[in-house]
Structure formats: C-alpha cells, structure tokens
Amino acid sequence: METMTLTIHLPKDIGSALERKARTDGKALTEYVETLITTQVKRPTFRELFADVRESITVSDDDLTKEIDAAIAESREARKR
C-alpha cells in the first residue's frame, strides 16, 4: 500500500488525550490516529447519503442545498451538546 505522510499541529491537551486513548486501546499513537482518520474518511457524508434523493426529487438544487446544510448544522449542534 502506498502511503502519504502528514504533519499536524494539535493543542497539547488534544495530543495528550490521543496518547492516553491510544495506550488504552493498546496501540501506538500513529496507529490509533490512522484508525481514527480511516474510520472518518470511510463514513459517507450527508451529501453522499442524499445523492440519490437529490437526483429524484423536484426541489431546486439551491433549496435542497439549503435544507441539507441546515440538517448538517443541526446535527453538528446536537453533537456539541
């Protein structure tokens, strides 16, 4: 498998939390972060989930985009609570 190298800068508390969670899972930090990123990237986005619906309904693209964006914002707000 071909790989790509990334360098990221995180606040110290986030880095420490990642190290703690990696240890808890019995993984090296790089393996733990790779797993997190891979899992997130494989998840379909709202836009991908709604792609078929978007093609089959008669709502304008602008109106549908507004509705999808509102649903995304609402979901993100709910996760913060």
N, C-alpha and C. Protein backbone atom coordinates (compact mmCIF):
# COMPACT_ATOMS: atom_id res chain seq x y z
N MET A 1 0.84 -1.18 0.00
CA MET A 1 0.00 0.00 0.00
C MET A 1 0.89 1.24 0.00
N GLU A 2 0.59 2.13 -0.90
CA GLU A 2 1.31 3.39 -0.95
C GLU A 2 0.80 4.29 0.18
N THR A 3 1.69 5.03 0.81
CA THR A 3 1.28 5.86 1.95
C THR A 3 1.58 7.32 1.69
N MET A 4 1.03 8.15 2.55
CA MET A 4 1.21 9.60 2.49
C MET A 4 1.59 10.05 3.90
N THR A 5 2.50 10.98 4.02
CA THR A 5 2.91 11.49 5.32
C THR A 5 2.26 12.83 5.57
N LEU A 6 1.67 12.99 6.76
CA LEU A 6 1.05 14.25 7.17
C LEU A 6 1.70 14.72 8.45
N THR A 7 1.85 16.01 8.58
CA THR A 7 2.29 16.60 9.83
C THR A 7 1.17 17.51 10.30
N ILE A 8 0.69 17.28 11.52
CA ILE A 8 -0.38 18.12 12.05
C ILE A 8 0.07 18.74 13.37
N HIS A 9 -0.45 19.90 13.63
CA HIS A 9 -0.15 20.61 14.87
C HIS A 9 -1.42 20.64 15.70
N LEU A 10 -1.36 20.06 16.89
CA LEU A 10 -2.51 19.97 17.78
C LEU A 10 -2.21 20.66 19.10
N PRO A 11 -3.24 21.16 19.75
CA PRO A 11 -3.03 21.67 21.10
C PRO A 11 -2.52 20.53 21.99
N LYS A 12 -1.68 20.86 22.95
CA LYS A 12 -1.05 19.84 23.80
C LYS A 12 -2.08 18.95 24.48
N ASP A 13 -3.19 19.53 24.94
CA ASP A 13 -4.19 18.71 25.63
C ASP A 13 -4.83 17.68 24.70
N ILE A 14 -4.99 18.03 23.44
CA ILE A 14 -5.55 17.08 22.46
C ILE A 14 -4.54 15.97 22.19
N GLY A 15 -3.28 16.34 22.03
CA GLY A 15 -2.23 15.34 21.82
C GLY A 15 -2.14 14.38 23.00
N SER A 16 -2.22 14.92 24.20
CA SER A 16 -2.17 14.07 25.40
C SER A 16 -3.37 13.13 25.46
N ALA A 17 -4.54 13.64 25.10
CA ALA A 17 -5.74 12.80 25.10
C ALA A 17 -5.60 11.68 24.07
N LEU A 18 -5.06 12.00 22.90
CA LEU A 18 -4.84 10.97 21.88
C LEU A 18 -3.88 9.90 22.38
N GLU A 19 -2.79 10.33 23.03
CA GLU A 19 -1.82 9.37 23.56
C GLU A 19 -2.47 8.45 24.60
N ARG A 20 -3.28 9.04 25.48
CA ARG A 20 -3.98 8.26 26.50
C ARG A 20 -4.92 7.23 25.87
N LYS A 21 -5.69 7.68 24.90
CA LYS A 21 -6.64 6.77 24.25
C LYS A 21 -5.92 5.67 23.47
N ALA A 22 -4.81 6.02 22.84
CA ALA A 22 -4.03 5.01 22.11
C ALA A 22 -3.52 3.95 23.08
N ARG A 23 -2.98 4.39 24.22
CA ARG A 23 -2.50 3.43 25.23
C ARG A 23 -3.64 2.53 25.72
N THR A 24 -4.79 3.13 25.97
CA THR A 24 -5.95 2.37 26.43
C THR A 24 -6.34 1.29 25.42
N ASP A 25 -6.23 1.63 24.13
CA ASP A 25 -6.55 0.66 23.07
C ASP A 25 -5.39 -0.29 22.77
N GLY A 26 -4.25 -0.08 23.44
CA GLY A 26 -3.09 -0.93 23.21
C GLY A 26 -2.45 -0.70 21.85
N LYS A 27 -2.56 0.53 21.35
CA LYS A 27 -2.00 0.85 20.04
C LYS A 27 -0.94 1.94 20.16
N ALA A 28 -0.07 1.97 19.18
CA ALA A 28 0.87 3.09 19.06
C ALA A 28 0.06 4.32 18.65
N LEU A 29 0.54 5.49 18.99
CA LEU A 29 -0.18 6.72 18.67
C LEU A 29 -0.46 6.83 17.17
N THR A 30 0.53 6.56 16.34
CA THR A 30 0.32 6.69 14.89
C THR A 30 -0.75 5.71 14.40
N GLU A 31 -0.75 4.50 14.93
CA GLU A 31 -1.75 3.51 14.53
C GLU A 31 -3.15 3.97 14.97
N TYR A 32 -3.25 4.50 16.18
CA TYR A 32 -4.53 4.96 16.70
C TYR A 32 -5.08 6.10 15.85
N VAL A 33 -4.24 7.09 15.55
CA VAL A 33 -4.67 8.23 14.75
C VAL A 33 -5.04 7.78 13.33
N GLU A 34 -4.26 6.87 12.77
CA GLU A 34 -4.57 6.35 11.44
C GLU A 34 -5.94 5.67 11.43
N THR A 35 -6.25 4.92 12.48
CA THR A 35 -7.55 4.27 12.59
C THR A 35 -8.68 5.29 12.67
N LEU A 36 -8.49 6.34 13.47
CA LEU A 36 -9.50 7.39 13.58
C LEU A 36 -9.76 8.05 12.23
N ILE A 37 -8.69 8.40 11.55
CA ILE A 37 -8.83 9.08 10.26
C ILE A 37 -9.47 8.15 9.23
N THR A 38 -9.02 6.92 9.17
CA THR A 38 -9.56 5.96 8.20
C THR A 38 -11.05 5.75 8.43
N THR A 39 -11.45 5.60 9.68
CA THR A 39 -12.87 5.41 10.00
C THR A 39 -13.69 6.62 9.55
N GLN A 40 -13.19 7.81 9.82
CA GLN A 40 -13.91 9.03 9.46
C GLN A 40 -14.01 9.19 7.94
N VAL A 41 -12.94 8.91 7.23
CA VAL A 41 -12.93 9.08 5.78
C VAL A 41 -13.87 8.08 5.10
N LYS A 42 -14.00 6.89 5.66
CA LYS A 42 -14.87 5.87 5.05
C LYS A 42 -16.35 6.14 5.29
N ARG A 43 -16.67 6.99 6.26
CA ARG A 43 -18.06 7.33 6.54
C ARG A 43 -18.62 8.19 5.42
N PRO A 44 -19.81 7.89 4.94
CA PRO A 44 -20.38 8.75 3.90
C PRO A 44 -20.79 10.10 4.50
N THR A 45 -20.64 11.14 3.71
CA THR A 45 -21.08 12.46 4.14
C THR A 45 -22.58 12.57 3.94
N PHE A 46 -23.20 13.61 4.51
CA PHE A 46 -24.62 13.83 4.27
C PHE A 46 -24.89 13.98 2.77
N ARG A 47 -24.03 14.71 2.09
CA ARG A 47 -24.23 14.91 0.65
C ARG A 47 -24.20 13.58 -0.10
N GLU A 48 -23.28 12.71 0.27
CA GLU A 48 -23.22 11.39 -0.37
C GLU A 48 -24.47 10.57 -0.06
N LEU A 49 -24.93 10.65 1.18
CA LEU A 49 -26.13 9.91 1.56
C LEU A 49 -27.37 10.39 0.81
N PHE A 50 -27.44 11.69 0.54
CA PHE A 50 -28.59 12.27 -0.13
C PHE A 50 -28.46 12.35 -1.65
N ALA A 51 -27.37 11.85 -2.21
CA ALA A 51 -27.13 11.99 -3.65
C ALA A 51 -28.27 11.40 -4.48
N ASP A 52 -28.72 10.20 -4.17
CA ASP A 52 -29.81 9.58 -4.93
C ASP A 52 -31.11 10.36 -4.78
N VAL A 53 -31.38 10.81 -3.57
CA VAL A 53 -32.59 11.60 -3.32
C VAL A 53 -32.54 12.88 -4.13
N ARG A 54 -31.40 13.50 -4.14
CA ARG A 54 -31.22 14.76 -4.84
C ARG A 54 -31.57 14.63 -6.32
N GLU A 55 -31.20 13.52 -6.91
CA GLU A 55 -31.45 13.31 -8.33
C GLU A 55 -32.92 13.01 -8.62
N SER A 56 -33.64 12.49 -7.64
CA SER A 56 -35.00 12.01 -7.91
C SER A 56 -36.12 12.96 -7.47
N ILE A 57 -35.80 14.09 -6.86
CA ILE A 57 -36.87 14.99 -6.42
C ILE A 57 -36.90 16.26 -7.25
N THR A 58 -38.01 16.97 -7.15
CA THR A 58 -38.21 18.14 -8.00
C THR A 58 -37.87 19.46 -7.31
N VAL A 59 -37.29 19.40 -6.13
CA VAL A 59 -36.88 20.62 -5.44
C VAL A 59 -35.65 21.18 -6.14
N SER A 60 -35.54 22.49 -6.20
CA SER A 60 -34.38 23.08 -6.86
C SER A 60 -33.11 22.74 -6.10
N ASP A 61 -31.99 22.75 -6.81
CA ASP A 61 -30.70 22.47 -6.17
C ASP A 61 -30.42 23.44 -5.03
N ASP A 62 -30.75 24.72 -5.24
CA ASP A 62 -30.50 25.72 -4.20
C ASP A 62 -31.31 25.42 -2.94
N ASP A 63 -32.60 25.11 -3.11
CA ASP A 63 -33.44 24.81 -1.95
C ASP A 63 -32.98 23.54 -1.25
N LEU A 64 -32.63 22.53 -2.03
CA LEU A 64 -32.18 21.28 -1.43
C LEU A 64 -30.85 21.49 -0.70
N THR A 65 -29.95 22.25 -1.29
CA THR A 65 -28.67 22.55 -0.64
C THR A 65 -28.90 23.25 0.69
N LYS A 66 -29.83 24.21 0.71
CA LYS A 66 -30.13 24.91 1.97
C LYS A 66 -30.66 23.94 3.02
N GLU A 67 -31.54 23.03 2.61
CA GLU A 67 -32.10 22.05 3.55
C GLU A 67 -31.02 21.11 4.08
N ILE A 68 -30.16 20.65 3.19
CA ILE A 68 -29.08 19.75 3.60
C ILE A 68 -28.12 20.47 4.53
N ASP A 69 -27.75 21.70 4.18
CA ASP A 69 -26.84 22.48 5.03
C ASP A 69 -27.45 22.72 6.41
N ALA A 70 -28.76 22.98 6.45
CA ALA A 70 -29.44 23.18 7.74
C ALA A 70 -29.42 21.89 8.56
N ALA A 71 -29.63 20.75 7.90
CA ALA A 71 -29.61 19.46 8.60
C ALA A 71 -28.21 19.17 9.15
N ILE A 72 -27.19 19.49 8.37
CA ILE A 72 -25.81 19.29 8.81
C ILE A 72 -25.52 20.17 10.02
N ALA A 73 -25.89 21.44 9.94
CA ALA A 73 -25.65 22.37 11.05
C ALA A 73 -26.38 21.90 12.31
N GLU A 74 -27.62 21.45 12.15
CA GLU A 74 -28.40 20.97 13.29
C GLU A 74 -27.75 19.74 13.92
N SER A 75 -27.26 18.84 13.09
CA SER A 75 -26.59 17.63 13.58
C SER A 75 -25.32 17.99 14.34
N ARG A 76 -24.55 18.91 13.81
CA ARG A 76 -23.31 19.32 14.49
C ARG A 76 -23.60 19.99 15.82
N GLU A 77 -24.63 20.82 15.86
CA GLU A 77 -25.01 21.47 17.12
C GLU A 77 -25.44 20.43 18.15
N ALA A 78 -26.19 19.44 17.70
CA ALA A 78 -26.65 18.39 18.62
C ALA A 78 -25.47 17.62 19.20
N ARG A 79 -24.43 17.39 18.39
CA ARG A 79 -23.25 16.66 18.88
C ARG A 79 -22.49 17.46 19.92
N LYS A 80 -22.55 18.79 19.83
CA LYS A 80 -21.83 19.65 20.78
C LYS A 80 -22.48 19.62 22.16
N ARG A 81 -23.77 19.33 22.20
CA ARG A 81 -24.50 19.35 23.48
C ARG A 81 -24.25 18.13 24.29
